[in-house]
Amino acid sequence: MAHKKEDGASRRDFLKLAGTAAPAAVAAATLTAKDAEAAELPVAETRIQDTAHTRAYLDSARF
């Protein structure tokens, strides 16, 4: 049984490339981001609204 080589990339070659390309892309993105800062939201917008529904959920979630 002769196993002949296909022309082009195989699935194994693709997985090898994907395994090395993803960490390289993350490293490149972190190195190029110079002054990236998160936008600060006012405190009132970051909290959940105090409604009967949220109070019932929080009461039921207590141990």
PDB file of N, CA and C in Angstrom:
ATOM      1  N   MET A   1       0.834  -1.172   0.000  1.00  0.00           N
ATOM      2  CA  MET A   1       0.000   0.000   0.000  1.00  0.00           C
ATOM      3  C   MET A   1       0.882   1.239   0.000  1.00  0.00           C
ATOM      4  N   ALA A   2       0.890   1.874  -1.079  1.00  0.00           N
ATOM      5  CA  ALA A   2       1.681   3.088  -1.210  1.00  0.00           C
ATOM      6  C   ALA A   2       0.812   4.286  -0.843  1.00  0.00           C
ATOM      7  N   HIS A   3       1.350   5.122   0.001  1.00  0.00           N
ATOM      8  CA  HIS A   3       0.632   6.329   0.392  1.00  0.00           C
ATOM      9  C   HIS A   3       1.235   7.488  -0.389  1.00  0.00           C
ATOM     10  N   LYS A   4       0.453   8.042  -1.297  1.00  0.00           N
ATOM     11  CA  LYS A   4       1.005   9.113  -2.109  1.00  0.00           C
ATOM     12  C   LYS A   4       0.691  10.469  -1.498  1.00  0.00           C
ATOM     13  N   LYS A   5       1.606  11.365  -1.655  1.00  0.00           N
ATOM     14  CA  LYS A   5       1.505  12.711  -1.117  1.00  0.00           C
ATOM     15  C   LYS A   5       0.579  13.538  -2.003  1.00  0.00           C
ATOM     16  N   GLU A   6      -0.362  14.233  -1.341  1.00  0.00           N
ATOM     17  CA  GLU A   6      -1.272  15.096  -2.086  1.00  0.00           C
ATOM     18  C   GLU A   6      -0.592  16.428  -2.378  1.00  0.00           C
ATOM     19  N   ASP A   7      -0.996  17.034  -3.447  1.00  0.00           N
ATOM     20  CA  ASP A   7      -0.506  18.375  -3.736  1.00  0.00           C
ATOM     21  C   ASP A   7      -1.273  19.368  -2.865  1.00  0.00           C
ATOM     22  N   GLY A   8      -0.570  20.322  -2.302  1.00  0.00           N
ATOM     23  CA  GLY A   8      -1.214  21.318  -1.453  1.00  0.00           C
ATOM     24  C   GLY A   8      -1.062  20.950   0.013  1.00  0.00           C
ATOM     25  N   ALA A   9      -1.700  21.714   0.837  1.00  0.00           N
ATOM     26  CA  ALA A   9      -1.598  21.520   2.285  1.00  0.00           C
ATOM     27  C   ALA A   9      -2.602  20.484   2.762  1.00  0.00           C
ATOM     28  N   SER A  10      -2.175  19.700   3.724  1.00  0.00           N
ATOM     29  CA  SER A  10      -3.064  18.706   4.298  1.00  0.00           C
ATOM     30  C   SER A  10      -3.674  19.254   5.587  1.00  0.00           C
ATOM     31  N   ARG A  11      -4.558  18.492   6.171  1.00  0.00           N
ATOM     32  CA  ARG A  11      -5.164  18.917   7.426  1.00  0.00           C
ATOM     33  C   ARG A  11      -4.117  18.999   8.530  1.00  0.00           C
ATOM     34  N   ARG A  12      -3.177  18.079   8.529  1.00  0.00           N
ATOM     35  CA  ARG A  12      -2.128  18.091   9.542  1.00  0.00           C
ATOM     36  C   ARG A  12      -1.269  19.342   9.412  1.00  0.00           C
ATOM     37  N   ASP A  13      -0.950  19.732   8.187  1.00  0.00           N
ATOM     38  CA  ASP A  13      -0.170  20.952   7.984  1.00  0.00           C
ATOM     39  C   ASP A  13      -0.949  22.180   8.455  1.00  0.00           C
ATOM     40  N   PHE A  14      -2.252  22.174   8.218  1.00  0.00           N
ATOM     41  CA  PHE A  14      -3.077  23.286   8.661  1.00  0.00           C
ATOM     42  C   PHE A  14      -3.076  23.398  10.181  1.00  0.00           C
ATOM     43  N   LEU A  15      -3.192  22.258  10.875  1.00  0.00           N
ATOM     44  CA  LEU A  15      -3.214  22.285  12.333  1.00  0.00           C
ATOM     45  C   LEU A  15      -1.866  22.722  12.904  1.00  0.00           C
ATOM     46  N   LYS A  16      -0.785  22.343  12.259  1.00  0.00           N
ATOM     47  CA  LYS A  16       0.533  22.797  12.696  1.00  0.00           C
ATOM     48  C   LYS A  16       0.637  24.312  12.567  1.00  0.00           C
ATOM     49  N   LEU A  17       0.179  24.834  11.463  1.00  0.00           N
ATOM     50  CA  LEU A  17       0.229  26.270  11.221  1.00  0.00           C
ATOM     51  C   LEU A  17      -0.696  27.022  12.177  1.00  0.00           C
ATOM     52  N   ALA A  18      -1.888  26.495  12.404  1.00  0.00           N
ATOM     53  CA  ALA A  18      -2.842  27.156  13.297  1.00  0.00           C
ATOM     54  C   ALA A  18      -2.323  27.164  14.735  1.00  0.00           C
ATOM     55  N   GLY A  19      -1.633  26.127  15.130  1.00  0.00           N
ATOM     56  CA  GLY A  19      -1.097  26.060  16.481  1.00  0.00           C
ATOM     57  C   GLY A  19       0.017  27.056  16.734  1.00  0.00           C
ATOM     58  N   THR A  20       0.736  27.435  15.710  1.00  0.00           N
ATOM     59  CA  THR A  20       1.815  28.402  15.896  1.00  0.00           C
ATOM     60  C   THR A  20       1.394  29.821  15.527  1.00  0.00           C
ATOM     61  N   ALA A  21       0.398  29.964  14.677  1.00  0.00           N
ATOM     62  CA  ALA A  21      -0.010  31.293  14.227  1.00  0.00           C
ATOM     63  C   ALA A  21      -0.840  32.030  15.280  1.00  0.00           C
ATOM     64  N   ALA A  22      -1.662  31.324  16.028  1.00  0.00           N
ATOM     65  CA  ALA A  22      -2.518  31.986  17.011  1.00  0.00           C
ATOM     66  C   ALA A  22      -1.709  32.657  18.125  1.00  0.00           C
ATOM     67  N   PRO A  23      -0.748  31.984  18.754  1.00  0.00           N
ATOM     68  CA  PRO A  23       0.043  32.682  19.777  1.00  0.00           C
ATOM     69  C   PRO A  23       0.879  33.822  19.196  1.00  0.00           C
ATOM     70  N   ALA A  24       1.333  33.674  17.975  1.00  0.00           N
ATOM     71  CA  ALA A  24       2.104  34.744  17.349  1.00  0.00           C
ATOM     72  C   ALA A  24       1.229  35.970  17.101  1.00  0.00           C
ATOM     73  N   ALA A  25      -0.023  35.767  16.741  1.00  0.00           N
ATOM     74  CA  ALA A  25      -0.932  36.886  16.515  1.00  0.00           C
ATOM     75  C   ALA A  25      -1.243  37.605  17.828  1.00  0.00           C
ATOM     76  N   VAL A  26      -1.404  36.848  18.904  1.00  0.00           N
ATOM     77  CA  VAL A  26      -1.661  37.467  20.205  1.00  0.00           C
ATOM     78  C   VAL A  26      -0.446  38.270  20.653  1.00  0.00           C
ATOM     79  N   ALA A  27       0.730  37.725  20.468  1.00  0.00           N
ATOM     80  CA  ALA A  27       1.948  38.431  20.855  1.00  0.00           C
ATOM     81  C   ALA A  27       2.119  39.712  20.037  1.00  0.00           C
ATOM     82  N   ALA A  28       1.818  39.650  18.768  1.00  0.00           N
ATOM     83  CA  ALA A  28       1.938  40.835  17.923  1.00  0.00           C
ATOM     84  C   ALA A  28       0.925  41.902  18.332  1.00  0.00           C
ATOM     85  N   ALA A  29      -0.266  41.486  18.712  1.00  0.00           N
ATOM     86  CA  ALA A  29      -1.285  42.448  19.113  1.00  0.00           C
ATOM     87  C   ALA A  29      -0.909  43.132  20.421  1.00  0.00           C
ATOM     88  N   THR A  30      -0.313  42.396  21.338  1.00  0.00           N
ATOM     89  CA  THR A  30       0.053  43.012  22.618  1.00  0.00           C
ATOM     90  C   THR A  30       1.267  43.913  22.470  1.00  0.00           C
ATOM     91  N   LEU A  31       2.143  43.610  21.547  1.00  0.00           N
ATOM     92  CA  LEU A  31       3.320  44.437  21.367  1.00  0.00           C
ATOM     93  C   LEU A  31       3.002  45.742  20.632  1.00  0.00           C
ATOM     94  N   THR A  32       1.993  45.716  19.757  1.00  0.00           N
ATOM     95  CA  THR A  32       1.672  46.912  18.989  1.00  0.00           C
ATOM     96  C   THR A  32       0.739  47.860  19.732  1.00  0.00           C
ATOM     97  N   ALA A  33       0.011  47.378  20.740  1.00  0.00           N
ATOM     98  CA  ALA A  33      -0.889  48.241  21.501  1.00  0.00           C
ATOM     99  C   ALA A  33      -0.060  49.041  22.491  1.00  0.00           C
ATOM    100  N   LYS A  34       0.041  50.343  22.249  1.00  0.00           N
ATOM    101  CA  LYS A  34       0.908  51.169  23.087  1.00  0.00           C
ATOM    102  C   LYS A  34       0.136  51.827  24.218  1.00  0.00           C
ATOM    103  N   ASP A  35      -0.773  52.690  23.925  1.00  0.00           N
ATOM    104  CA  ASP A  35      -1.477  53.436  24.954  1.00  0.00           C
ATOM    105  C   ASP A  35      -2.953  53.050  25.011  1.00  0.00           C
ATOM    106  N   ALA A  36      -3.222  51.774  24.966  1.00  0.00           N
ATOM    107  CA  ALA A  36      -4.605  51.322  25.026  1.00  0.00           C
ATOM    108  C   ALA A  36      -5.066  51.318  26.472  1.00  0.00           C
ATOM    109  N   GLU A  37      -6.152  51.999  26.736  1.00  0.00           N
ATOM    110  CA  GLU A  37      -6.715  52.061  28.077  1.00  0.00           C
ATOM    111  C   GLU A  37      -8.200  51.749  28.001  1.00  0.00           C
ATOM    112  N   ALA A  38      -8.695  51.144  29.048  1.00  0.00           N
ATOM    113  CA  ALA A  38     -10.115  50.843  29.116  1.00  0.00           C
ATOM    114  C   ALA A  38     -10.880  52.116  29.459  1.00  0.00           C
ATOM    115  N   ALA A  39     -12.014  52.277  28.867  1.00  0.00           N
ATOM    116  CA  ALA A  39     -12.850  53.436  29.167  1.00  0.00           C
ATOM    117  C   ALA A  39     -13.478  53.243  30.542  1.00  0.00           C
ATOM    118  N   GLU A  40     -13.424  54.258  31.352  1.00  0.00           N
ATOM    119  CA  GLU A  40     -13.992  54.174  32.686  1.00  0.00           C
ATOM    120  C   GLU A  40     -15.451  54.605  32.630  1.00  0.00           C
ATOM    121  N   LEU A  41     -16.314  53.727  33.128  1.00  0.00           N
ATOM    122  CA  LEU A  41     -17.738  54.026  33.156  1.00  0.00           C
ATOM    123  C   LEU A  41     -18.094  54.611  34.504  1.00  0.00           C
ATOM    124  N   PRO A  42     -19.082  55.459  34.535  1.00  0.00           N
ATOM    125  CA  PRO A  42     -19.556  55.943  35.837  1.00  0.00           C
ATOM    126  C   PRO A  42     -20.078  54.780  36.679  1.00  0.00           C
ATOM    127  N   VAL A  43     -19.985  54.904  37.973  1.00  0.00           N
ATOM    128  CA  VAL A  43     -20.356  53.811  38.871  1.00  0.00           C
ATOM    129  C   VAL A  43     -21.816  53.433  38.702  1.00  0.00           C
ATOM    130  N   ALA A  44     -22.689  54.397  38.460  1.00  0.00           N
ATOM    131  CA  ALA A  44     -24.120  54.112  38.347  1.00  0.00           C
ATOM    132  C   ALA A  44     -24.417  53.214  37.142  1.00  0.00           C
ATOM    133  N   GLU A  45     -23.641  53.277  36.090  1.00  0.00           N
ATOM    134  CA  GLU A  45     -23.906  52.477  34.898  1.00  0.00           C
ATOM    135  C   GLU A  45     -23.366  51.065  35.021  1.00  0.00           C
ATOM    136  N   THR A  46     -22.471  50.805  35.955  1.00  0.00           N
ATOM    137  CA  THR A  46     -21.868  49.482  36.049  1.00  0.00           C
ATOM    138  C   THR A  46     -22.641  48.554  36.974  1.00  0.00           C
ATOM    139  N   ARG A  47     -23.555  49.058  37.753  1.00  0.00           N
ATOM    140  CA  ARG A  47     -24.324  48.237  38.684  1.00  0.00           C
ATOM    141  C   ARG A  47     -25.649  47.828  38.067  1.00  0.00           C
ATOM    142  N   ILE A  48     -26.199  46.722  38.600  1.00  0.00           N
ATOM    143  CA  ILE A  48     -27.501  46.285  38.102  1.00  0.00           C
ATOM    144  C   ILE A  48     -28.587  47.156  38.700  1.00  0.00           C
ATOM    145  N   GLN A  49     -29.705  47.214  38.019  1.00  0.00           N
ATOM    146  CA  GLN A  49     -30.815  48.028  38.492  1.00  0.00           C
ATOM    147  C   GLN A  49     -31.489  47.335  39.665  1.00  0.00           C
ATOM    148  N   ASP A  50     -31.934  48.109  40.626  1.00  0.00           N
ATOM    149  CA  ASP A  50     -32.600  47.573  41.802  1.00  0.00           C
ATOM    150  C   ASP A  50     -34.092  47.465  41.512  1.00  0.00           C
ATOM    151  N   THR A  51     -34.503  46.276  41.092  1.00  0.00           N
ATOM    152  CA  THR A  51     -35.913  46.035  40.806  1.00  0.00           C
ATOM    153  C   THR A  51     -36.380  44.839  41.616  1.00  0.00           C
ATOM    154  N   ALA A  52     -37.676  44.594  41.622  1.00  0.00           N
ATOM    155  CA  ALA A  52     -38.219  43.442  42.345  1.00  0.00           C
ATOM    156  C   ALA A  52     -37.689  42.138  41.760  1.00  0.00           C
ATOM    157  N   HIS A  53     -37.507  42.116  40.464  1.00  0.00           N
ATOM    158  CA  HIS A  53     -37.011  40.913  39.804  1.00  0.00           C
ATOM    159  C   HIS A  53     -35.576  40.598  40.234  1.00  0.00           C
ATOM    160  N   THR A  54     -34.706  41.615  40.233  1.00  0.00           N
ATOM    161  CA  THR A  54     -33.314  41.373  40.628  1.00  0.00           C
ATOM    162  C   THR A  54     -33.208  41.059  42.109  1.00  0.00           C
ATOM    163  N   ARG A  55     -34.051  41.676  42.950  1.00  0.00           N
ATOM    164  CA  ARG A  55     -34.033  41.343  44.380  1.00  0.00           C
ATOM    165  C   ARG A  55     -34.456  39.895  44.600  1.00  0.00           C
ATOM    166  N   ALA A  56     -35.477  39.427  43.878  1.00  0.00           N
ATOM    167  CA  ALA A  56     -35.929  38.045  44.017  1.00  0.00           C
ATOM    168  C   ALA A  56     -34.837  37.074  43.566  1.00  0.00           C
ATOM    169  N   TYR A  57     -34.146  37.412  42.506  1.00  0.00           N
ATOM    170  CA  TYR A  57     -33.067  36.547  42.039  1.00  0.00           C
ATOM    171  C   TYR A  57     -31.930  36.494  43.060  1.00  0.00           C
ATOM    172  N   LEU A  58     -31.530  37.642  43.568  1.00  0.00           N
ATOM    173  CA  LEU A  58     -30.430  37.668  44.540  1.00  0.00           C
ATOM    174  C   LEU A  58     -30.816  36.956  45.832  1.00  0.00           C
ATOM    175  N   ASP A  59     -32.069  37.074  46.252  1.00  0.00           N
ATOM    176  CA  ASP A  59     -32.507  36.356  47.438  1.00  0.00           C
ATOM    177  C   ASP A  59     -32.505  34.849  47.225  1.00  0.00           C
ATOM    178  N   SER A  60     -32.867  34.406  46.026  1.00  0.00           N
ATOM    179  CA  SER A  60     -32.887  32.965  45.745  1.00  0.00           C
ATOM    180  C   SER A  60     -31.487  32.401  45.520  1.00  0.00           C
ATOM    181  N   ALA A  61     -30.537  33.253  45.207  1.00  0.00           N
ATOM    182  CA  ALA A  61     -29.177  32.785  44.934  1.00  0.00           C
ATOM    183  C   ALA A  61     -28.316  32.681  46.187  1.00  0.00           C
ATOM    184  N   ARG A  62     -28.819  33.147  47.315  1.00  0.00           N
ATOM    185  CA  ARG A  62     -28.051  33.095  48.557  1.00  0.00           C
ATOM    186  C   ARG A  62     -28.015  31.657  49.072  1.00  0.00           C
ATOM    187  N   PHE A  63     -26.953  31.334  49.778  1.00  0.00           N
ATOM    188  CA  PHE A  63     -26.791  29.969  50.322  1.00  0.00           C
ATOM    189  C   PHE A  63     -27.264  29.899  51.742  1.00  0.00           C
TER     190      PHE A  63
END
